Amino acid sequence: MGFPETFKALADPVRREILLMLRDGRMAAGDIAARFDMTGATVSYHLSQLKKAELIYETREKNFIYYSLNLSVFEEIMLWFNQFTNATDSEPADSNASAAEETTVTEETTNGGIANENQ
């Protein structure tokens, strides 16, 4: 799986709707198509784009094709996104408070460590 294909697949609102439908469990291709006001070929195109991005997989049973979410790809995406939230966890929540602390330390150092009562 590559992130470019994944994000391209996720960019389309129809494909995102299909993914939301599949979060409750696998669905037959016909049931997915029935929920949209578009041709079967168009729905099939969207499903193939989701498969190409490995966001879903298909299983064939007799005359039916069922689609399911590939949760491992979603987990990989979440891990990738999580690296951005973890980077901010180590920073102070209030950047203004941090700046005020630095100013106080600088003033004390400038005054030789003696606090000026007139400030």
Protein backbone atom coordinates (compact mmCIF):
# COMPACT_ATOMS: atom_id res chain seq x y z
CA MET A 1 0.00 0.00 0.00
CA GLY A 2 1.18 3.48 -0.78
CA PHE A 3 -0.09 6.61 0.87
CA PRO A 4 -0.64 8.42 -2.45
CA GLU A 5 -3.12 5.76 -3.60
CA THR A 6 -4.78 5.71 -0.19
CA PHE A 7 -5.28 9.46 -0.01
CA LYS A 8 -6.46 9.59 -3.61
CA ALA A 9 -9.07 6.94 -2.83
CA LEU A 10 -10.15 8.75 0.34
CA ALA A 11 -10.50 12.06 -1.52
CA ASP A 12 -13.76 11.02 -3.19
CA PRO A 13 -16.96 11.41 -1.13
CA VAL A 14 -18.61 8.35 -2.72
CA ARG A 15 -15.69 6.17 -1.73
CA ARG A 16 -15.74 7.55 1.81
CA GLU A 17 -19.46 6.73 1.97
CA ILE A 18 -18.76 3.17 0.85
CA LEU A 19 -16.14 2.84 3.60
CA LEU A 20 -18.65 4.07 6.17
CA MET A 21 -21.17 1.51 4.94
CA LEU A 22 -18.60 -1.27 5.32
CA ARG A 23 -17.68 -0.40 8.91
CA ASP A 24 -20.70 -2.39 10.07
CA GLY A 25 -19.53 -5.50 8.24
CA ARG A 26 -19.15 -6.97 4.80
CA MET A 27 -21.64 -6.18 2.07
CA ALA A 28 -22.45 -7.63 -1.31
CA ALA A 29 -21.61 -5.50 -4.32
CA GLY A 30 -25.28 -5.31 -5.30
CA ASP A 31 -26.28 -4.04 -1.85
CA ILE A 32 -23.63 -1.33 -2.05
CA ALA A 33 -24.74 -0.30 -5.55
CA ALA A 34 -28.41 -0.18 -4.47
CA ARG A 35 -27.63 2.65 -2.03
CA PHE A 36 -26.38 4.98 -4.76
CA ASP A 37 -28.14 6.71 -7.61
CA MET A 38 -25.50 5.79 -10.19
CA THR A 39 -24.79 3.03 -12.64
CA GLY A 40 -23.39 -0.29 -11.53
CA ALA A 41 -20.29 0.41 -13.60
CA THR A 42 -19.65 3.64 -11.67
CA VAL A 43 -19.99 1.88 -8.33
CA SER A 44 -17.72 -0.87 -9.62
CA TYR A 45 -15.12 1.78 -10.54
CA HIS A 46 -15.23 3.22 -7.01
CA LEU A 47 -14.88 -0.25 -5.50
CA SER A 48 -11.90 -0.99 -7.74
CA GLN A 49 -10.22 2.25 -6.63
CA LEU A 50 -10.73 1.27 -2.98
CA LYS A 51 -9.31 -2.18 -3.71
CA LYS A 52 -6.33 -0.65 -5.55
CA ALA A 53 -5.62 1.41 -2.43
CA GLU A 54 -6.04 -1.78 -0.38
CA LEU A 55 -8.68 -0.12 1.81
CA ILE A 56 -11.11 -2.96 1.07
CA TYR A 57 -10.86 -6.52 -0.06
CA GLU A 58 -13.29 -8.80 -1.80
CA THR A 59 -14.34 -12.36 -1.24
CA ARG A 60 -16.32 -14.42 -3.71
CA GLU A 61 -19.00 -16.81 -2.59
CA LYS A 62 -20.97 -18.58 -5.27
CA ASN A 63 -22.42 -15.82 -7.49
CA PHE A 64 -21.78 -12.97 -5.06
CA ILE A 65 -18.86 -10.68 -4.37
CA TYR A 66 -18.60 -9.34 -0.83
CA TYR A 67 -16.53 -6.36 0.22
CA SER A 68 -14.98 -5.77 3.63
CA LEU A 69 -12.72 -3.17 5.18
CA ASN A 70 -9.03 -3.91 5.34
CA LEU A 71 -8.51 -2.71 8.90
CA SER A 72 -4.73 -3.18 8.82
CA VAL A 73 -4.45 -0.34 6.29
CA PHE A 74 -6.59 1.91 8.48
CA GLU A 75 -4.36 1.09 11.44
CA GLU A 76 -1.28 1.96 9.41
CA ILE A 77 -2.83 5.30 8.40
CA MET A 78 -3.74 6.04 12.03
CA LEU A 79 -0.19 5.28 13.15
CA TRP A 80 1.14 7.62 10.51
CA PHE A 81 -1.26 10.41 11.59
CA ASN A 82 -0.50 9.73 15.24
CA GLN A 83 3.13 10.75 14.81
CA PHE A 84 1.92 14.32 14.34
CA THR A 85 -0.16 14.37 17.51
CA ASN A 86 2.61 12.76 19.58
CA ALA A 87 5.05 15.49 18.51
CA THR A 88 2.85 18.14 20.11
CA ASP A 89 2.36 16.20 23.36
CA SER A 90 5.84 17.18 24.58
CA GLU A 91 5.26 20.90 23.99
CA PRO A 92 3.56 23.11 26.59
CA ALA A 93 -0.19 23.44 26.16
CA ASP A 94 -0.01 27.23 26.52
CA SER A 95 2.78 28.73 24.43
CA ASN A 96 2.22 32.16 26.03
CA ALA A 97 2.96 30.72 29.48
CA SER A 98 6.22 29.32 28.16
CA ALA A 99 7.21 32.72 26.73
CA ALA A 100 6.41 34.41 30.08
CA GLU A 101 8.60 31.92 31.95
CA GLU A 102 11.51 32.58 29.57
CA THR A 103 11.14 36.36 30.07
CA THR A 104 11.22 35.97 33.87
CA VAL A 105 14.35 33.82 33.73
CA THR A 106 16.05 36.34 31.40
CA GLU A 107 15.20 39.30 33.69
CA GLU A 108 16.51 37.47 36.78
CA THR A 109 19.72 36.57 34.97
CA THR A 110 20.18 40.15 33.77
CA ASN A 111 19.72 41.49 37.32
CA GLY A 112 22.30 39.09 38.69
CA GLY A 113 19.65 36.78 40.12
CA ILE A 114 18.17 39.54 42.30
CA ALA A 115 14.51 40.29 41.74
CA ASN A 116 13.74 43.98 41.19
CA GLU A 117 10.85 45.05 43.45
CA ASN A 118 10.04 48.05 41.23
CA GLN A 119 9.00 45.83 38.29
